[in-house]
C-alpha atoms as a PDB file:
ATOM      1  CA  UNK A   1     -17.748  16.795   8.791  1.00  0.00           C
ATOM      2  CA  UNK A   2     -14.325  18.377   9.173  1.00  0.00           C
ATOM      3  CA  UNK A   3     -12.714  20.506   6.493  1.00  0.00           C
ATOM      4  CA  UNK A   4     -10.263  17.763   5.535  1.00  0.00           C
ATOM      5  CA  UNK A   5     -13.060  15.176   5.379  1.00  0.00           C
ATOM      6  CA  UNK A   6     -14.940  17.470   3.005  1.00  0.00           C
ATOM      7  CA  UNK A   7     -11.832  17.963   0.831  1.00  0.00           C
ATOM      8  CA  UNK A   8     -11.229  14.197   0.713  1.00  0.00           C
ATOM      9  CA  UNK A   9     -14.864  13.686  -0.301  1.00  0.00           C
ATOM     10  CA  UNK A  10     -14.570  16.324  -3.031  1.00  0.00           C
ATOM     11  CA  UNK A  11     -11.281  14.886  -4.314  1.00  0.00           C
ATOM     12  CA  UNK A  12     -12.737  11.375  -4.433  1.00  0.00           C
ATOM     13  CA  UNK A  13     -15.833  12.605  -6.286  1.00  0.00           C
ATOM     14  CA  UNK A  14     -13.656  14.274  -8.914  1.00  0.00           C
ATOM     15  CA  UNK A  15     -11.557  11.113  -9.240  1.00  0.00           C
ATOM     16  CA  UNK A  16     -14.663   8.940  -9.704  1.00  0.00           C
ATOM     17  CA  UNK A  17     -16.010  11.268 -12.388  1.00  0.00           C
ATOM     18  CA  UNK A  18     -12.738  11.162 -14.323  1.00  0.00           C
ATOM     19  CA  UNK A  19     -11.789   7.495 -13.934  1.00  0.00           C
ATOM     20  CA  UNK A  20     -13.728   6.440 -17.037  1.00  0.00           C
ATOM     21  CA  UNK A  21     -10.787   7.715 -19.104  1.00  0.00           C
ATOM     22  CA  UNK A  22      -8.387   5.347 -17.358  1.00  0.00           C
ATOM     23  CA  UNK A  23      -6.166   5.854 -14.356  1.00  0.00           C
ATOM     24  CA  UNK A  24      -3.352   7.763 -16.078  1.00  0.00           C
ATOM     25  CA  UNK A  25      -5.681  10.168 -17.903  1.00  0.00           C
ATOM     26  CA  UNK A  26      -7.802  10.649 -14.783  1.00  0.00           C
ATOM     27  CA  UNK A  27      -4.754  11.419 -12.651  1.00  0.00           C
ATOM     28  CA  UNK A  28      -3.500  14.101 -15.038  1.00  0.00           C
ATOM     29  CA  UNK A  29      -6.980  15.599 -15.520  1.00  0.00           C
ATOM     30  CA  UNK A  30      -7.664  15.682 -11.801  1.00  0.00           C
ATOM     31  CA  UNK A  31      -4.324  17.296 -11.009  1.00  0.00           C
ATOM     32  CA  UNK A  32      -5.043  19.956 -13.623  1.00  0.00           C
ATOM     33  CA  UNK A  33      -8.551  20.515 -12.221  1.00  0.00           C
ATOM     34  CA  UNK A  34      -7.201  20.954  -8.686  1.00  0.00           C
ATOM     35  CA  UNK A  35      -4.466  23.317  -9.917  1.00  0.00           C
ATOM     36  CA  UNK A  36      -6.963  25.395 -11.899  1.00  0.00           C
ATOM     37  CA  UNK A  37      -9.973  25.548  -9.602  1.00  0.00           C
ATOM     38  CA  UNK A  38      -9.116  24.839  -5.985  1.00  0.00           C
ATOM     39  CA  UNK A  39      -8.277  27.691  -3.622  1.00  0.00           C
ATOM     40  CA  UNK A  40      -4.630  27.723  -2.442  1.00  0.00           C
ATOM     41  CA  UNK A  41      -5.759  26.998   1.128  1.00  0.00           C
ATOM     42  CA  UNK A  42      -7.657  23.916  -0.060  1.00  0.00           C
ATOM     43  CA  UNK A  43      -4.584  22.697  -1.959  1.00  0.00           C
ATOM     44  CA  UNK A  44      -2.385  23.271   1.084  1.00  0.00           C
ATOM     45  CA  UNK A  45      -4.706  21.318   3.388  1.00  0.00           C
ATOM     46  CA  UNK A  46      -5.134  18.339   1.059  1.00  0.00           C
ATOM     47  CA  UNK A  47      -1.384  18.302   0.302  1.00  0.00           C
ATOM     48  CA  UNK A  48      -0.629  18.133   4.026  1.00  0.00           C
ATOM     49  CA  UNK A  49      -3.164  15.317   4.321  1.00  0.00           C
ATOM     50  CA  UNK A  50      -1.441  13.394   1.505  1.00  0.00           C
ATOM     51  CA  UNK A  51       1.953  13.975   3.156  1.00  0.00           C
ATOM     52  CA  UNK A  52       0.503  12.451   6.334  1.00  0.00           C
ATOM     53  CA  UNK A  53      -0.603   9.337   4.442  1.00  0.00           C
ATOM     54  CA  UNK A  54      -3.684  10.458   2.532  1.00  0.00           C
ATOM     55  CA  UNK A  55      -6.185   8.359   4.473  1.00  0.00           C
ATOM     56  CA  UNK A  56      -9.516   8.035   2.694  1.00  0.00           C
ATOM     57  CA  UNK A  57      -8.319   9.163  -0.741  1.00  0.00           C
ATOM     58  CA  UNK A  58      -8.842   6.906  -3.731  1.00  0.00           C
ATOM     59  CA  UNK A  59      -5.658   5.851  -5.562  1.00  0.00           C
ATOM     60  CA  UNK A  60      -6.440   8.278  -8.413  1.00  0.00           C
ATOM     61  CA  UNK A  61      -7.070  11.173  -6.030  1.00  0.00           C
ATOM     62  CA  UNK A  62      -3.880  10.458  -4.097  1.00  0.00           C
ATOM     63  CA  UNK A  63      -1.805  10.139  -7.286  1.00  0.00           C
ATOM     64  CA  UNK A  64      -3.241  13.402  -8.618  1.00  0.00           C
ATOM     65  CA  UNK A  65      -2.365  15.247  -5.428  1.00  0.00           C
ATOM     66  CA  UNK A  66       1.156  13.813  -5.508  1.00  0.00           C
ATOM     67  CA  UNK A  67       1.440  14.914  -9.148  1.00  0.00           C
ATOM     68  CA  UNK A  68       0.722  18.514  -8.133  1.00  0.00           C
ATOM     69  CA  UNK A  69       4.197  18.615  -6.640  1.00  0.00           C
ATOM     70  CA  UNK A  70       5.504  18.147 -10.222  1.00  0.00           C
ATOM     71  CA  UNK A  71       5.164  20.603 -13.122  1.00  0.00           C
ATOM     72  CA  UNK A  72       1.922  19.994 -15.020  1.00  0.00           C
ATOM     73  CA  UNK A  73       2.270  19.228 -18.709  1.00  0.00           C
END
């Protein structure tokens, strides 16, 4: 498994764990989790992956990563 495949897997697992609160809540919570706990290199790699289309990411995971480009509330 490549590094990006592992990051996509991790992002999707987080999204699945948070989706019970609804898509909007899950997106905000996941973006905050990534901002708080992921290493800057991990964030850079997954952000580049999203910029290239985000293949393999769930809609919540992709939306959360896109949200990281915006200020978190």
